[in-house]
Amino acid sequence: MDFNIDKTVTAWEEMLKWRNEFGADQIIQDFNFNELDQVTMYYPQGYHGVDKNGRPIYIERQGKAHPGKLMDVTTIDRYLKYHVQEFEKALQQKLPACSIAAKRRVTTTTTILDADGLGMKNFSPAAANLLSSIAKVDCSYYPEVLNSLKITLLVISLRPMSRVDMGVSVGVKICDRGSLTQIICFFFVKPKLFAYWSYLYSLA
C-alpha cells in the first residue's frame, strides 16, 4: 500500500477543521438527543455486547427502519449530530472500557447490519440522504474505527432492480476476493448519485 504523506497531512488538517466546526470535541456534553426513544422505534440500532476479540458490537436493524417516519421525529442534521456523539462515546468510553476488560488495547468496533425484511420501502430519498451524510462523516473523519462489517439475512438479486416511482434504483454487486468480500451498493436518487462501499472481513 502506497503511503502519501501530503494526502495524509491534508486529511488530518481537514479532520481537525471539521471537528472544530462541527463541535465534535464537546458534543457529548453539549448535544441532547431528546428524540432518541422515538428514533430507535423507527430506526432500531445500538450497541450490544462484544465480539470474541473484545470489540464492542454495534447493531442496526435496517429491515425494520422506516425512513419517512424517522424524518417526522428528527432531522438529518440532528441525527448526524447523534451519530457523531455515539462515535465520540465509543472512542472515549466504550473502547477504553473494552480495553480494560480484554486486558489489551481495543481500538475498533464490529458492526452488524441486520437486513432481514429489507425492501424498497427502505430505499427512499430520505434514506439515501441520511445514509450519504452518515457515510461522508464515517469515511472522512472516523475511517479507522470500524474493524469489520457483517450483513445478515440479506437476500440479493444480482440483476439491477427496476426504477420505482420514488425515483430510486438499487444495484448490488458482490465480488469475492479470497477472505475479503467487497459489497458495493449504489443508490441512484434523482438528481444525485450516492455510492457507498464497505469491506467485510471474517471474524473467524
Protein backbone atom coordinates (compact mmCIF):
# COMPACT_ATOMS: atom_id res chain seq x y z
CA MET A 1 0.00 0.00 0.00
CA ASP A 2 1.38 3.41 -1.01
CA PHE A 3 1.60 5.98 1.76
CA ASN A 4 1.26 9.59 0.65
CA ILE A 5 2.39 11.90 3.41
CA ASP A 6 0.98 15.02 1.74
CA LYS A 7 -2.51 13.50 1.41
CA THR A 8 -2.27 12.24 4.98
CA VAL A 9 -1.42 15.70 6.32
CA THR A 10 -4.23 17.25 4.27
CA ALA A 11 -6.76 14.68 5.55
CA TRP A 12 -5.60 15.28 9.14
CA GLU A 13 -5.94 19.05 8.77
CA GLU A 14 -9.42 18.68 7.24
CA MET A 15 -10.44 16.39 10.10
CA LEU A 16 -9.26 18.89 12.72
CA LYS A 17 -11.08 21.72 10.91
CA TRP A 18 -14.27 19.63 10.74
CA ARG A 19 -14.08 18.72 14.44
CA ASN A 20 -13.78 22.39 15.35
CA GLU A 21 -16.64 23.49 13.08
CA PHE A 22 -18.93 20.59 13.99
CA GLY A 23 -18.17 20.79 17.71
CA ALA A 24 -17.16 17.14 17.96
CA ASP A 25 -14.92 17.69 20.99
CA GLN A 26 -17.82 18.99 23.10
CA ILE A 27 -20.70 17.09 21.52
CA ILE A 28 -21.05 14.52 24.32
CA GLN A 29 -21.70 17.29 26.84
CA ASP A 30 -23.40 19.87 24.61
CA PHE A 31 -25.85 17.84 22.50
CA ASN A 32 -29.04 16.35 23.91
CA PHE A 33 -30.85 13.96 21.58
CA ASN A 34 -34.26 14.11 23.25
CA GLU A 35 -35.99 12.14 20.50
CA LEU A 36 -33.82 9.01 20.93
CA ASP A 37 -36.69 6.75 22.04
CA GLN A 38 -38.77 7.72 19.01
CA VAL A 39 -35.79 7.42 16.67
CA THR A 40 -34.94 3.89 17.78
CA MET A 41 -38.58 2.98 17.21
CA TYR A 42 -38.23 3.83 13.52
CA TYR A 43 -34.52 3.02 13.13
CA PRO A 44 -33.63 0.26 15.64
CA GLN A 45 -29.90 0.39 16.44
CA GLY A 46 -27.45 0.40 19.30
CA TYR A 47 -24.51 -1.35 20.97
CA HIS A 48 -24.86 -4.83 22.44
CA GLY A 49 -22.02 -6.82 23.94
CA VAL A 50 -18.61 -7.54 22.43
CA ASP A 51 -17.24 -9.92 19.80
CA LYS A 52 -14.77 -12.72 20.54
CA ASN A 53 -11.88 -10.24 20.30
CA GLY A 54 -13.44 -7.86 22.82
CA ARG A 55 -14.63 -5.24 20.35
CA PRO A 56 -17.97 -3.52 21.06
CA ILE A 57 -20.72 -4.67 18.71
CA TYR A 58 -22.97 -2.10 17.06
CA ILE A 59 -26.19 -3.45 15.50
CA GLU A 60 -28.55 -1.79 13.04
CA ARG A 61 -31.85 -3.48 12.09
CA GLN A 62 -32.15 -1.83 8.71
CA GLY A 63 -35.05 -4.05 7.64
CA LYS A 64 -37.11 -2.55 10.47
CA ALA A 65 -36.29 1.05 9.56
CA HIS A 66 -38.97 3.49 8.43
CA PRO A 67 -37.11 6.48 6.91
CA GLY A 68 -40.26 8.56 6.35
CA LYS A 69 -41.44 8.20 9.95
CA LEU A 70 -37.88 8.76 11.17
CA MET A 71 -37.78 12.15 9.47
CA ASP A 72 -41.07 13.03 11.21
CA VAL A 73 -39.41 12.82 14.64
CA THR A 74 -35.94 14.18 13.86
CA THR A 75 -33.90 15.83 11.09
CA ILE A 76 -30.84 14.73 9.14
CA ASP A 77 -28.75 17.39 10.92
CA ARG A 78 -29.84 16.27 14.38
CA TYR A 79 -29.42 12.57 13.57
CA LEU A 80 -25.95 13.29 12.22
CA LYS A 81 -25.05 15.03 15.50
CA TYR A 82 -26.35 11.99 17.39
CA HIS A 83 -24.31 9.71 15.12
CA VAL A 84 -21.13 11.69 15.80
CA GLN A 85 -21.93 11.78 19.52
CA GLU A 86 -22.15 7.98 19.53
CA PHE A 87 -18.79 7.77 17.75
CA GLU A 88 -17.24 10.01 20.38
CA LYS A 89 -18.78 7.94 23.19
CA ALA A 90 -17.34 4.82 21.60
CA LEU A 91 -13.87 6.39 21.38
CA GLN A 92 -13.89 7.96 24.84
CA GLN A 93 -15.94 5.46 26.86
CA LYS A 94 -16.69 2.12 25.20
CA LEU A 95 -13.27 1.36 23.69
CA PRO A 96 -11.35 2.21 26.90
CA ALA A 97 -13.78 0.04 28.93
CA CYS A 98 -13.38 -2.82 26.44
CA SER A 99 -9.60 -2.44 26.62
CA ILE A 100 -9.69 -2.83 30.39
CA ALA A 101 -11.96 -5.89 30.13
CA ALA A 102 -9.84 -7.51 27.39
CA LYS A 103 -6.57 -6.59 29.14
CA ARG A 104 -5.22 -5.25 25.87
CA ARG A 105 -5.83 -2.22 23.70
CA VAL A 106 -9.12 -2.31 21.77
CA THR A 107 -9.37 0.46 19.18
CA THR A 108 -12.05 -0.69 16.73
CA THR A 109 -15.67 -1.82 16.66
CA THR A 110 -17.71 -4.50 14.92
CA THR A 111 -20.92 -3.55 13.09
CA ILE A 112 -23.77 -5.89 12.21
CA LEU A 113 -26.37 -4.76 9.69
CA ASP A 114 -29.48 -6.90 10.09
CA ALA A 115 -31.10 -6.76 6.65
CA ASP A 116 -33.99 -9.12 7.45
CA GLY A 117 -37.09 -7.53 5.93
CA LEU A 118 -35.13 -5.04 3.84
CA GLY A 119 -37.19 -3.86 0.87
CA MET A 120 -37.80 -0.95 -1.43
CA LYS A 121 -39.63 0.87 1.38
CA ASN A 122 -36.18 1.29 2.96
CA PHE A 123 -34.66 2.93 -0.12
CA SER A 124 -36.47 6.27 -0.14
CA PRO A 125 -34.87 9.64 -0.96
CA ALA A 126 -34.90 10.42 2.78
CA ALA A 127 -32.98 7.21 3.49
CA ALA A 128 -30.45 7.93 0.74
CA ASN A 129 -29.85 11.48 2.01
CA LEU A 130 -29.37 10.24 5.56
CA LEU A 131 -27.05 7.39 4.54
CA SER A 132 -24.95 9.65 2.29
CA SER A 133 -24.49 12.14 5.16
CA ILE A 134 -23.51 9.37 7.57
CA ALA A 135 -21.15 7.73 5.05
CA LYS A 136 -19.36 11.02 4.41
CA VAL A 137 -18.67 11.50 8.12
CA ASP A 138 -17.69 7.87 8.69
CA CYS A 139 -15.31 7.65 5.72
CA SER A 140 -13.76 11.10 6.08
CA TYR A 141 -13.40 11.51 9.84
CA TYR A 142 -13.66 8.08 11.52
CA PRO A 143 -12.15 5.70 8.92
CA GLU A 144 -10.13 3.57 11.36
CA VAL A 145 -12.85 2.88 13.94
CA LEU A 146 -14.71 0.11 12.08
CA ASN A 147 -12.85 -3.20 12.16
CA SER A 148 -15.47 -5.38 10.46
CA LEU A 149 -18.92 -5.12 8.99
CA LYS A 150 -21.36 -8.02 8.81
CA ILE A 151 -24.58 -8.07 6.83
CA THR A 152 -27.01 -10.75 7.96
CA LEU A 153 -30.08 -12.31 6.36
CA LEU A 154 -29.68 -10.40 3.11
CA VAL A 155 -31.33 -11.89 0.04
CA ILE A 156 -29.94 -10.21 -3.06
CA SER A 157 -30.84 -10.33 -6.72
CA LEU A 158 -27.74 -9.65 -8.81
CA ARG A 159 -29.98 -8.28 -11.55
CA PRO A 160 -30.41 -4.48 -11.18
CA MET A 161 -33.77 -3.57 -9.67
CA SER A 162 -36.12 -1.53 -11.82
CA ARG A 163 -36.69 2.14 -11.15
CA VAL A 164 -39.67 2.80 -8.94
CA ASP A 165 -41.99 5.78 -8.53
CA MET A 166 -39.87 7.35 -5.79
CA GLY A 167 -37.00 7.75 -8.27
CA VAL A 168 -34.72 5.23 -6.62
CA SER A 169 -32.99 2.27 -8.20
CA VAL A 170 -30.64 -0.04 -6.37
CA GLY A 171 -27.85 -2.18 -7.75
CA VAL A 172 -25.75 -4.57 -5.69
CA LYS A 173 -22.54 -6.18 -6.85
CA ILE A 174 -20.68 -8.80 -4.79
CA CYS A 175 -17.05 -9.58 -5.55
CA ASP A 176 -15.24 -12.39 -3.74
CA ARG A 177 -11.52 -11.90 -3.33
CA GLY A 178 -10.17 -14.62 -1.06
CA SER A 179 -11.22 -13.88 2.52
CA LEU A 180 -12.32 -10.39 1.51
CA THR A 181 -15.81 -9.67 0.24
CA GLN A 182 -16.50 -6.28 -1.24
CA ILE A 183 -20.08 -5.12 -1.36
CA ILE A 184 -20.82 -2.09 -3.44
CA CYS A 185 -24.26 -0.54 -3.12
CA PHE A 186 -25.30 2.21 -5.49
CA PHE A 187 -28.29 4.36 -4.62
CA PHE A 188 -29.40 6.38 -7.65
CA VAL A 189 -31.55 9.18 -6.29
CA LYS A 190 -32.62 11.98 -8.63
CA PRO A 191 -30.78 14.22 -9.07
CA LYS A 192 -27.78 12.85 -7.16
CA LEU A 193 -25.82 9.61 -7.09
CA PHE A 194 -24.88 8.19 -3.74
CA ALA A 195 -22.30 5.42 -3.81
CA TYR A 196 -21.10 3.70 -0.67
CA TRP A 197 -18.97 0.62 -0.33
CA SER A 198 -17.97 -1.43 2.66
CA TYR A 199 -15.37 -4.11 3.07
CA LEU A 200 -16.40 -7.19 5.01
CA TYR A 201 -13.78 -9.17 6.88
CA SER A 202 -14.36 -12.51 8.55
CA LEU A 203 -14.46 -12.57 12.34
CA ALA A 204 -13.17 -16.16 12.28
